[in-house]
Protein backbone atom coordinates (compact mmCIF):
# COMPACT_ATOMS: atom_id res chain seq x y z
CA MET A 1 12.73 -20.15 3.09
CA LYS A 2 10.81 -17.43 5.54
CA ASN A 3 9.19 -14.74 3.63
CA ILE A 4 9.97 -12.33 6.70
CA ILE A 5 13.06 -9.93 6.42
CA ASN A 6 13.03 -7.04 8.84
CA ASN A 7 9.21 -6.41 9.64
CA ILE A 8 8.18 -7.21 5.89
CA GLU A 9 6.23 -9.90 5.13
CA ILE A 10 4.73 -11.42 1.94
CA ILE A 11 1.05 -12.59 2.12
CA HIS A 12 -1.09 -14.09 -0.48
CA GLY A 13 -4.63 -13.15 0.46
CA ASP A 14 -7.19 -10.50 0.33
CA LEU A 15 -6.38 -7.22 2.32
CA THR A 16 -9.85 -6.26 3.11
CA LYS A 17 -10.24 -9.05 5.13
CA MET A 18 -7.22 -8.59 7.10
CA ASN A 19 -7.08 -7.29 10.81
CA LEU A 20 -4.44 -4.86 10.51
CA ASP A 21 -3.83 -1.20 11.88
CA ILE A 22 -3.85 0.13 8.56
CA ILE A 23 -4.49 -0.91 5.01
CA VAL A 24 -3.48 0.81 1.77
CA ASN A 25 -5.69 1.50 -0.87
CA ALA A 26 -4.74 2.03 -4.14
CA ALA A 27 -6.26 5.04 -4.88
CA ASN A 28 -7.15 7.43 -7.94
CA HIS A 29 -6.46 11.05 -7.53
CA THR A 30 -10.33 11.88 -6.38
CA LEU A 31 -10.24 9.52 -3.70
CA LEU A 32 -13.98 8.57 -4.47
CA GLY A 33 -13.63 5.38 -5.28
CA GLY A 34 -13.05 3.46 -8.62
CA GLY A 35 -11.86 -0.05 -9.87
CA GLY A 36 -10.31 -2.92 -8.44
CA ILE A 37 -9.24 -2.43 -4.57
CA ASP A 38 -10.29 1.43 -4.80
CA GLY A 39 -14.04 0.09 -5.66
CA ILE A 40 -13.85 -3.12 -3.20
CA ILE A 41 -12.31 -1.02 -0.51
CA HIS A 42 -15.01 1.94 -0.63
CA TYR A 43 -17.50 -1.11 -1.04
CA LYS A 44 -16.91 -2.80 2.17
CA ALA A 45 -15.75 -0.13 4.49
CA GLY A 46 -19.51 1.42 3.65
CA PRO A 47 -20.67 5.18 2.62
CA GLU A 48 -19.12 6.76 5.56
CA LEU A 49 -15.67 6.48 3.93
CA LEU A 50 -16.90 8.18 0.74
CA GLU A 51 -18.32 11.05 2.82
CA GLU A 52 -15.11 11.81 4.46
CA CYS A 53 -13.00 11.35 1.16
CA LYS A 54 -14.94 14.00 -0.23
CA LYS A 55 -13.75 16.27 2.30
CA LEU A 56 -10.15 15.72 1.27
CA ASN A 57 -10.25 17.38 -1.90
CA GLY A 58 -8.41 14.54 -3.54
CA CYS A 59 -5.08 13.63 -3.50
CA GLU A 60 -1.80 14.39 -5.89
CA ILE A 61 -0.27 11.49 -7.81
CA GLY A 62 2.49 10.19 -5.77
CA SER A 63 1.03 10.93 -2.54
CA ALA A 64 -1.55 9.82 0.11
CA LYS A 65 -3.93 10.60 2.43
CA MET A 66 -5.63 9.17 5.75
CA THR A 67 -8.67 8.20 6.75
CA ASP A 68 -10.76 5.88 9.26
CA GLY A 69 -11.37 2.21 8.51
CA TYR A 70 -15.10 2.31 8.97
CA LYS A 71 -16.78 -1.29 8.50
CA LEU A 72 -13.48 -2.92 7.31
CA PRO A 73 -10.92 -4.76 10.22
CA CYS A 74 -8.70 -1.77 10.30
CA LYS A 75 -8.33 1.52 11.95
CA LYS A 76 -7.40 3.45 9.23
CA ILE A 77 -7.22 3.63 5.37
CA ILE A 78 -4.21 5.20 3.63
CA HIS A 79 -4.97 6.15 0.38
CA ALA A 80 -1.96 6.08 -2.06
CA CYS A 81 -2.36 7.63 -5.50
CA GLY A 82 0.04 5.63 -7.70
CA PRO A 83 0.76 6.83 -11.04
CA MET A 84 -0.51 5.81 -14.38
CA TYR A 85 2.67 4.13 -15.83
CA TYR A 86 2.09 5.10 -19.80
CA ALA A 87 0.99 8.71 -19.03
CA ASN A 88 4.86 9.65 -17.90
CA LYS A 89 7.08 6.65 -18.05
CA VAL A 90 10.30 9.20 -16.70
CA ASP A 91 8.23 10.36 -13.54
CA ALA A 92 6.67 7.13 -12.85
CA PRO A 93 9.34 5.06 -10.59
CA ASN A 94 9.76 8.48 -8.19
CA LYS A 95 5.78 8.74 -7.92
CA LEU A 96 5.37 5.30 -6.91
CA LYS A 97 8.44 5.71 -4.51
CA ASN A 98 6.98 8.38 -3.32
CA CYS A 99 3.55 6.56 -2.62
CA TYR A 100 5.25 4.13 -0.28
CA ARG A 101 7.19 6.84 1.65
CA LYS A 102 4.18 8.64 2.11
CA CYS A 103 2.44 6.01 3.32
CA ILE A 104 4.81 4.98 6.07
CA GLU A 105 5.02 8.81 7.02
CA LEU A 106 1.24 8.65 7.88
CA ALA A 107 1.76 5.28 9.61
CA GLU A 108 4.51 6.38 11.82
CA LYS A 109 2.58 9.69 12.55
CA TYR A 110 -0.59 7.80 13.10
CA ARG A 111 1.93 5.22 15.55
CA ILE A 112 2.90 8.26 17.58
CA GLU A 113 0.19 10.54 17.89
CA ASN A 114 -1.57 7.15 19.41
CA ASN A 115 1.55 6.05 21.41
CA LEU A 116 1.66 2.70 20.29
CA LYS A 117 4.76 0.77 20.47
CA THR A 118 3.97 -1.08 16.93
CA ILE A 119 1.62 -1.08 13.87
CA THR A 120 1.07 -3.29 11.24
CA ILE A 121 0.39 -1.88 8.10
CA GLY A 122 -0.79 -3.86 4.89
CA PHE A 123 -0.26 -2.64 1.46
CA PRO A 124 -1.78 -3.94 -2.06
CA CYS A 125 0.12 -4.12 -5.46
CA ILE A 126 -0.39 -0.30 -6.34
CA SER A 127 -0.19 1.04 -9.62
CA THR A 128 -0.41 -2.74 -11.11
CA GLY A 129 -3.90 -2.99 -12.21
CA ILE A 130 -5.55 -0.81 -14.29
CA TYR A 131 -2.65 2.27 -14.06
CA HIS A 132 -0.46 -0.65 -15.92
CA TYR A 133 2.58 -0.34 -14.21
CA PRO A 134 4.95 -3.41 -15.17
CA LYS A 135 4.30 -5.67 -12.21
CA ASP A 136 8.03 -6.83 -11.83
CA GLU A 137 9.32 -2.99 -11.60
CA ALA A 138 6.57 -2.31 -9.33
CA CYS A 139 7.29 -5.01 -6.92
CA LYS A 140 10.92 -4.19 -6.51
CA ILE A 141 9.83 -0.56 -6.27
CA ALA A 142 7.64 -1.55 -3.42
CA ILE A 143 9.77 -3.75 -1.68
CA ASP A 144 13.12 -1.68 -2.07
CA THR A 145 11.27 1.54 -0.87
CA ILE A 146 9.98 -0.08 2.25
CA ARG A 147 13.33 -1.36 3.54
CA GLU A 148 14.72 1.98 2.89
CA CYS A 149 11.99 4.03 4.89
CA THR A 150 10.73 1.64 7.21
CA ASN A 151 11.35 0.97 11.03
CA MET A 152 11.30 -1.62 13.51
CA ASN A 153 8.07 -0.18 15.11
CA ILE A 154 5.92 -0.68 11.85
CA LYS A 155 5.39 -4.14 10.45
CA VAL A 156 4.30 -4.06 6.70
CA LYS A 157 2.92 -7.14 4.93
CA PHE A 158 2.37 -6.69 1.24
CA VAL A 159 -0.89 -8.76 0.42
CA CYS A 160 -0.99 -9.99 -3.19
CA TYR A 161 -4.22 -10.78 -4.32
CA ASP A 162 -3.24 -12.36 -7.39
CA GLU A 163 -1.24 -14.95 -7.57
CA LEU A 164 1.13 -13.69 -10.13
CA ASP A 165 2.05 -10.81 -8.35
CA TYR A 166 2.61 -12.87 -5.19
CA LYS A 167 5.00 -15.31 -6.73
CA LEU A 168 7.12 -12.08 -8.11
CA TYR A 169 7.14 -10.68 -4.53
CA ILE A 170 7.83 -13.84 -3.16
CA ASN A 171 10.68 -14.40 -5.81
CA TYR A 172 12.38 -10.86 -5.18
CA PHE A 173 12.35 -11.64 -1.55
CA ASN A 174 14.03 -14.31 -1.57
CA GLU A 175 16.55 -13.10 -3.71
CA ILE A 176 17.06 -10.40 -1.15
CA ASN A 177 16.79 -13.17 1.72
CA LYS A 178 19.82 -15.19 -0.01
CA GLY A 179 21.74 -12.19 -0.12
CA VAL A 180 21.84 -11.84 -3.74
CA LEU A 181 20.42 -8.27 -4.15
C-alpha cells in the first residue's frame, strides 16, 4: 500500500540527512539545544545555529520559530516546542496541534516570501521522546493536524528514526488510506 496521501509521506530514516527545504526540530523552549533530535540538529548544523537561536529569546510551548539550516542539507529549520505530556495532560493535545499548525504557517510564509511553487518539510515525532507524549496519540495528532492544515504547495514528510514510531505512523496512515478513518 502506498504511504503517500495528499502530499504527506511517512519515511523511516534520519531527518538530519534528508535533502529537504525545511526540517522541523523538536526543540525545548530555550531553543538552545538539548537531548534527542534537538541536540543532533544543533551539533550537525554547527555553532552558527546556536548563535541565531540565542537571538530568538526562546519560544512558547505549542509554538515554533524558524532559523537558517547552516551545515544541514536544508534551507531552514523550524524549531517546534512541543508540550511535556505529564506537565499538563489537559492542554497537551492542543499545544501539540498548535506546534504542527505553526510549522505549516511558517513553511507557507517562507514559500510565499521566496516565490516558490512548492516546498518540502520534514517532521520528527514531536514530544514523544523525553517529553513522554504517548506515541500513538502523538502520531494521530500529527497526521490529523497536518491533513487539516496543509495545502498542495507543501509536501510533508514524517521522518521516523525509531522503528516503533515508523510502524505506528504507517499503521495509522494505512487506516486512513483504506478509508477506515
